[in-house]
Amino acid sequence: MRAWALKSRPAGTPVADNFQMIEATDAPLGEGEYRITNSWLSVDPYMRGRMNDVKSYAP
């Protein structure tokens, strides 16, 4: 599968060079698990704060 990954932490406004498309292997599904396919990717303003290398309330 292909996935977008953070390549480097932005200094200021994120640019295309901060991201990369990677090839990743699908993990085996466990009992009762499902695999879905996304049709859309949303980039919301709150995500900018998650790109910083700081402790956060979210894992």
PDB file of N, CA and C in Angstrom:
ATOM      1  N   MET A   1       0.839  -1.175   0.000  1.00  0.00           N
ATOM      2  CA  MET A   1       0.000   0.000   0.000  1.00  0.00           C
ATOM      3  C   MET A   1       0.884   1.238   0.000  1.00  0.00           C
ATOM      4  N   ARG A   2       0.359   2.325  -0.469  1.00  0.00           N
ATOM      5  CA  ARG A   2       1.075   3.597  -0.438  1.00  0.00           C
ATOM      6  C   ARG A   2       0.505   4.457   0.680  1.00  0.00           C
ATOM      7  N   ALA A   3       1.374   5.245   1.310  1.00  0.00           N
ATOM      8  CA  ALA A   3       0.942   6.116   2.405  1.00  0.00           C
ATOM      9  C   ALA A   3       1.788   7.380   2.403  1.00  0.00           C
ATOM     10  N   TRP A   4       1.200   8.488   2.842  1.00  0.00           N
ATOM     11  CA  TRP A   4       1.951   9.730   3.010  1.00  0.00           C
ATOM     12  C   TRP A   4       2.598   9.706   4.382  1.00  0.00           C
ATOM     13  N   ALA A   5       3.863  10.114   4.454  1.00  0.00           N
ATOM     14  CA  ALA A   5       4.601  10.132   5.718  1.00  0.00           C
ATOM     15  C   ALA A   5       5.304  11.473   5.882  1.00  0.00           C
ATOM     16  N   LEU A   6       5.478  11.871   7.135  1.00  0.00           N
ATOM     17  CA  LEU A   6       6.215  13.098   7.452  1.00  0.00           C
ATOM     18  C   LEU A   6       7.705  12.797   7.299  1.00  0.00           C
ATOM     19  N   LYS A   7       8.352  13.437   6.346  1.00  0.00           N
ATOM     20  CA  LYS A   7       9.777  13.213   6.066  1.00  0.00           C
ATOM     21  C   LYS A   7      10.659  14.065   6.970  1.00  0.00           C
ATOM     22  N   SER A   8      10.224  15.292   7.240  1.00  0.00           N
ATOM     23  CA  SER A   8      10.986  16.197   8.109  1.00  0.00           C
ATOM     24  C   SER A   8      10.016  17.146   8.788  1.00  0.00           C
ATOM     25  N   ARG A   9      10.365  17.591   9.974  1.00  0.00           N
ATOM     26  CA  ARG A   9       9.501  18.520  10.708  1.00  0.00           C
ATOM     27  C   ARG A   9       9.641  19.912  10.106  1.00  0.00           C
ATOM     28  N   PRO A  10       8.509  20.535   9.761  1.00  0.00           N
ATOM     29  CA  PRO A  10       8.580  21.860   9.147  1.00  0.00           C
ATOM     30  C   PRO A  10       9.054  22.934  10.120  1.00  0.00           C
ATOM     31  N   ALA A  11       9.774  23.895   9.597  1.00  0.00           N
ATOM     32  CA  ALA A  11      10.137  25.108  10.342  1.00  0.00           C
ATOM     33  C   ALA A  11       9.283  26.207   9.726  1.00  0.00           C
ATOM     34  N   GLY A  12       8.136  26.483  10.349  1.00  0.00           N
ATOM     35  CA  GLY A  12       7.198  27.436   9.765  1.00  0.00           C
ATOM     36  C   GLY A  12       6.131  26.695   8.977  1.00  0.00           C
ATOM     37  N   THR A  13       5.725  27.264   7.859  1.00  0.00           N
ATOM     38  CA  THR A  13       4.676  26.673   7.033  1.00  0.00           C
ATOM     39  C   THR A  13       5.188  25.399   6.357  1.00  0.00           C
ATOM     40  N   PRO A  14       4.432  24.289   6.455  1.00  0.00           N
ATOM     41  CA  PRO A  14       4.858  23.054   5.799  1.00  0.00           C
ATOM     42  C   PRO A  14       4.914  23.231   4.276  1.00  0.00           C
ATOM     43  N   VAL A  15       5.878  22.553   3.666  1.00  0.00           N
ATOM     44  CA  VAL A  15       6.015  22.547   2.207  1.00  0.00           C
ATOM     45  C   VAL A  15       6.050  21.097   1.736  1.00  0.00           C
ATOM     46  N   ALA A  16       5.896  20.886   0.451  1.00  0.00           N
ATOM     47  CA  ALA A  16       5.841  19.529  -0.106  1.00  0.00           C
ATOM     48  C   ALA A  16       7.062  18.696   0.276  1.00  0.00           C
ATOM     49  N   ASP A  17       8.233  19.319   0.395  1.00  0.00           N
ATOM     50  CA  ASP A  17       9.453  18.577   0.741  1.00  0.00           C
ATOM     51  C   ASP A  17       9.425  17.990   2.151  1.00  0.00           C
ATOM     52  N   ASN A  18       8.479  18.404   2.997  1.00  0.00           N
ATOM     53  CA  ASN A  18       8.358  17.846   4.344  1.00  0.00           C
ATOM     54  C   ASN A  18       7.658  16.483   4.348  1.00  0.00           C
ATOM     55  N   PHE A  19       7.145  16.058   3.202  1.00  0.00           N
ATOM     56  CA  PHE A  19       6.360  14.826   3.119  1.00  0.00           C
ATOM     57  C   PHE A  19       6.926  13.909   2.051  1.00  0.00           C
ATOM     58  N   GLN A  20       6.621  12.623   2.175  1.00  0.00           N
ATOM     59  CA  GLN A  20       7.016  11.674   1.138  1.00  0.00           C
ATOM     60  C   GLN A  20       5.980  10.565   1.036  1.00  0.00           C
ATOM     61  N   MET A  21       5.811  10.032  -0.156  1.00  0.00           N
ATOM     62  CA  MET A  21       4.944   8.885  -0.384  1.00  0.00           C
ATOM     63  C   MET A  21       5.800   7.648  -0.143  1.00  0.00           C
ATOM     64  N   ILE A  22       5.319   6.750   0.713  1.00  0.00           N
ATOM     65  CA  ILE A  22       6.075   5.538   1.016  1.00  0.00           C
ATOM     66  C   ILE A  22       5.273   4.302   0.624  1.00  0.00           C
ATOM     67  N   GLU A  23       5.984   3.222   0.400  1.00  0.00           N
ATOM     68  CA  GLU A  23       5.363   1.915   0.191  1.00  0.00           C
ATOM     69  C   GLU A  23       5.442   1.179   1.520  1.00  0.00           C
ATOM     70  N   ALA A  24       4.319   0.740   2.021  1.00  0.00           N
ATOM     71  CA  ALA A  24       4.271   0.037   3.303  1.00  0.00           C
ATOM     72  C   ALA A  24       3.568  -1.303   3.109  1.00  0.00           C
ATOM     73  N   THR A  25       3.926  -2.273   3.925  1.00  0.00           N
ATOM     74  CA  THR A  25       3.260  -3.570   3.838  1.00  0.00           C
ATOM     75  C   THR A  25       2.027  -3.557   4.736  1.00  0.00           C
ATOM     76  N   ASP A  26       0.996  -4.222   4.292  1.00  0.00           N
ATOM     77  CA  ASP A  26      -0.222  -4.341   5.088  1.00  0.00           C
ATOM     78  C   ASP A  26       0.011  -5.340   6.213  1.00  0.00           C
ATOM     79  N   ALA A  27      -0.351  -4.948   7.422  1.00  0.00           N
ATOM     80  CA  ALA A  27      -0.255  -5.866   8.560  1.00  0.00           C
ATOM     81  C   ALA A  27      -1.356  -6.919   8.428  1.00  0.00           C
ATOM     82  N   PRO A  28      -1.086  -8.144   8.849  1.00  0.00           N
ATOM     83  CA  PRO A  28      -2.132  -9.169   8.798  1.00  0.00           C
ATOM     84  C   PRO A  28      -3.320  -8.752   9.665  1.00  0.00           C
ATOM     85  N   LEU A  29      -4.507  -9.078   9.213  1.00  0.00           N
ATOM     86  CA  LEU A  29      -5.718  -8.745   9.967  1.00  0.00           C
ATOM     87  C   LEU A  29      -5.963  -9.780  11.054  1.00  0.00           C
ATOM     88  N   GLY A  30      -6.386  -9.298  12.212  1.00  0.00           N
ATOM     89  CA  GLY A  30      -6.743 -10.181  13.310  1.00  0.00           C
ATOM     90  C   GLY A  30      -8.223 -10.525  13.259  1.00  0.00           C
ATOM     91  N   GLU A  31      -8.644 -11.360  14.153  1.00  0.00           N
ATOM     92  CA  GLU A  31     -10.048 -11.761  14.257  1.00  0.00           C
ATOM     93  C   GLU A  31     -10.935 -10.535  14.422  1.00  0.00           C
ATOM     94  N   GLY A  32     -11.952 -10.386  13.584  1.00  0.00           N
ATOM     95  CA  GLY A  32     -12.905  -9.285  13.691  1.00  0.00           C
ATOM     96  C   GLY A  32     -12.397  -7.951  13.162  1.00  0.00           C
ATOM     97  N   GLU A  33     -11.201  -7.912  12.569  1.00  0.00           N
ATOM     98  CA  GLU A  33     -10.661  -6.665  12.021  1.00  0.00           C
ATOM     99  C   GLU A  33     -10.992  -6.557  10.535  1.00  0.00           C
ATOM    100  N   TYR A  34     -11.035  -5.311  10.045  1.00  0.00           N
ATOM    101  CA  TYR A  34     -11.355  -5.046   8.647  1.00  0.00           C
ATOM    102  C   TYR A  34     -10.333  -4.087   8.066  1.00  0.00           C
ATOM    103  N   ARG A  35     -10.125  -4.161   6.793  1.00  0.00           N
ATOM    104  CA  ARG A  35      -9.248  -3.213   6.101  1.00  0.00           C
ATOM    105  C   ARG A  35     -10.134  -2.329   5.230  1.00  0.00           C
ATOM    106  N   ILE A  36      -9.910  -1.021   5.308  1.00  0.00           N
ATOM    107  CA  ILE A  36     -10.687  -0.077   4.512  1.00  0.00           C
ATOM    108  C   ILE A  36      -9.744   0.698   3.593  1.00  0.00           C
ATOM    109  N   THR A  37     -10.306   1.311   2.575  1.00  0.00           N
ATOM    110  CA  THR A  37      -9.541   2.149   1.655  1.00  0.00           C
ATOM    111  C   THR A  37     -10.081   3.564   1.733  1.00  0.00           C
ATOM    112  N   ASN A  38      -9.195   4.533   1.941  1.00  0.00           N
ATOM    113  CA  ASN A  38      -9.603   5.940   1.972  1.00  0.00           C
ATOM    114  C   ASN A  38      -9.795   6.457   0.556  1.00  0.00           C
ATOM    115  N   SER A  39     -10.834   7.248   0.366  1.00  0.00           N
ATOM    116  CA  SER A  39     -11.059   7.898  -0.923  1.00  0.00           C
ATOM    117  C   SER A  39     -10.532   9.323  -0.913  1.00  0.00           C
ATOM    118  N   TRP A  40     -10.474   9.930   0.269  1.00  0.00           N
ATOM    119  CA  TRP A  40     -10.068  11.325   0.402  1.00  0.00           C
ATOM    120  C   TRP A  40      -9.062  11.486   1.532  1.00  0.00           C
ATOM    121  N   LEU A  41      -8.223  12.501   1.414  1.00  0.00           N
ATOM    122  CA  LEU A  41      -7.276  12.865   2.465  1.00  0.00           C
ATOM    123  C   LEU A  41      -7.583  14.293   2.874  1.00  0.00           C
ATOM    124  N   SER A  42      -7.814  14.517   4.149  1.00  0.00           N
ATOM    125  CA  SER A  42      -8.111  15.852   4.669  1.00  0.00           C
ATOM    126  C   SER A  42      -6.906  16.360   5.447  1.00  0.00           C
ATOM    127  N   VAL A  43      -6.514  17.578   5.187  1.00  0.00           N
ATOM    128  CA  VAL A  43      -5.422  18.209   5.930  1.00  0.00           C
ATOM    129  C   VAL A  43      -6.029  19.386   6.685  1.00  0.00           C
ATOM    130  N   ASP A  44      -6.194  19.214   7.995  1.00  0.00           N
ATOM    131  CA  ASP A  44      -6.867  20.202   8.824  1.00  0.00           C
ATOM    132  C   ASP A  44      -5.853  21.053   9.586  1.00  0.00           C
ATOM    133  N   PRO A  45      -6.224  22.294   9.955  1.00  0.00           N
ATOM    134  CA  PRO A  45      -5.285  23.194  10.639  1.00  0.00           C
ATOM    135  C   PRO A  45      -4.669  22.607  11.906  1.00  0.00           C
ATOM    136  N   TYR A  46      -5.417  21.812  12.665  1.00  0.00           N
ATOM    137  CA  TYR A  46      -4.873  21.267  13.915  1.00  0.00           C
ATOM    138  C   TYR A  46      -3.675  20.353  13.650  1.00  0.00           C
ATOM    139  N   MET A  47      -3.593  19.788  12.459  1.00  0.00           N
ATOM    140  CA  MET A  47      -2.514  18.854  12.140  1.00  0.00           C
ATOM    141  C   MET A  47      -1.143  19.532  12.149  1.00  0.00           C
ATOM    142  N   ARG A  48      -1.102  20.851  11.930  1.00  0.00           N
ATOM    143  CA  ARG A  48       0.180  21.557  11.940  1.00  0.00           C
ATOM    144  C   ARG A  48       0.841  21.437  13.307  1.00  0.00           C
ATOM    145  N   GLY A  49       0.070  21.582  14.374  1.00  0.00           N
ATOM    146  CA  GLY A  49       0.611  21.451  15.723  1.00  0.00           C
ATOM    147  C   GLY A  49       1.129  20.054  16.016  1.00  0.00           C
ATOM    148  N   ARG A  50       0.533  19.043  15.409  1.00  0.00           N
ATOM    149  CA  ARG A  50       0.958  17.653  15.622  1.00  0.00           C
ATOM    150  C   ARG A  50       2.294  17.359  14.948  1.00  0.00           C
ATOM    151  N   MET A  51       2.726  18.226  14.036  1.00  0.00           N
ATOM    152  CA  MET A  51       4.010  18.023  13.351  1.00  0.00           C
ATOM    153  C   MET A  51       5.193  18.464  14.206  1.00  0.00           C
ATOM    154  N   ASN A  52       4.931  19.217  15.279  1.00  0.00           N
ATOM    155  CA  ASN A  52       6.006  19.672  16.161  1.00  0.00           C
ATOM    156  C   ASN A  52       6.490  18.526  17.041  1.00  0.00           C
ATOM    157  N   ASP A  53       7.756  18.522  17.381  1.00  0.00           N
ATOM    158  CA  ASP A  53       8.335  17.479  18.223  1.00  0.00           C
ATOM    159  C   ASP A  53       8.193  17.866  19.696  1.00  0.00           C
ATOM    160  N   VAL A  54       6.941  17.875  20.181  1.00  0.00           N
ATOM    161  CA  VAL A  54       6.655  18.226  21.568  1.00  0.00           C
ATOM    162  C   VAL A  54       5.674  17.210  22.151  1.00  0.00           C
ATOM    163  N   LYS A  55       5.666  17.089  23.460  1.00  0.00           N
ATOM    164  CA  LYS A  55       4.731  16.193  24.141  1.00  0.00           C
ATOM    165  C   LYS A  55       3.307  16.693  23.906  1.00  0.00           C
ATOM    166  N   SER A  56       2.381  15.765  23.699  1.00  0.00           N
ATOM    167  CA  SER A  56       1.003  16.121  23.380  1.00  0.00           C
ATOM    168  C   SER A  56       0.041  15.255  24.181  1.00  0.00           C
ATOM    169  N   TYR A  57      -1.195  15.692  24.281  1.00  0.00           N
ATOM    170  CA  TYR A  57      -2.226  14.903  24.955  1.00  0.00           C
ATOM    171  C   TYR A  57      -2.607  13.679  24.122  1.00  0.00           C
ATOM    172  N   ALA A  58      -2.349  13.719  22.827  1.00  0.00           N
ATOM    173  CA  ALA A  58      -2.696  12.603  21.944  1.00  0.00           C
ATOM    174  C   ALA A  58      -1.456  11.752  21.682  1.00  0.00           C
ATOM    175  N   PRO A  59      -1.650  10.439  21.580  1.00  0.00           N
ATOM    176  CA  PRO A  59      -0.491   9.559  21.329  1.00  0.00           C
ATOM    177  C   PRO A  59       0.120   9.771  19.955  1.00  0.00           C
TER     178      PRO A  59
END
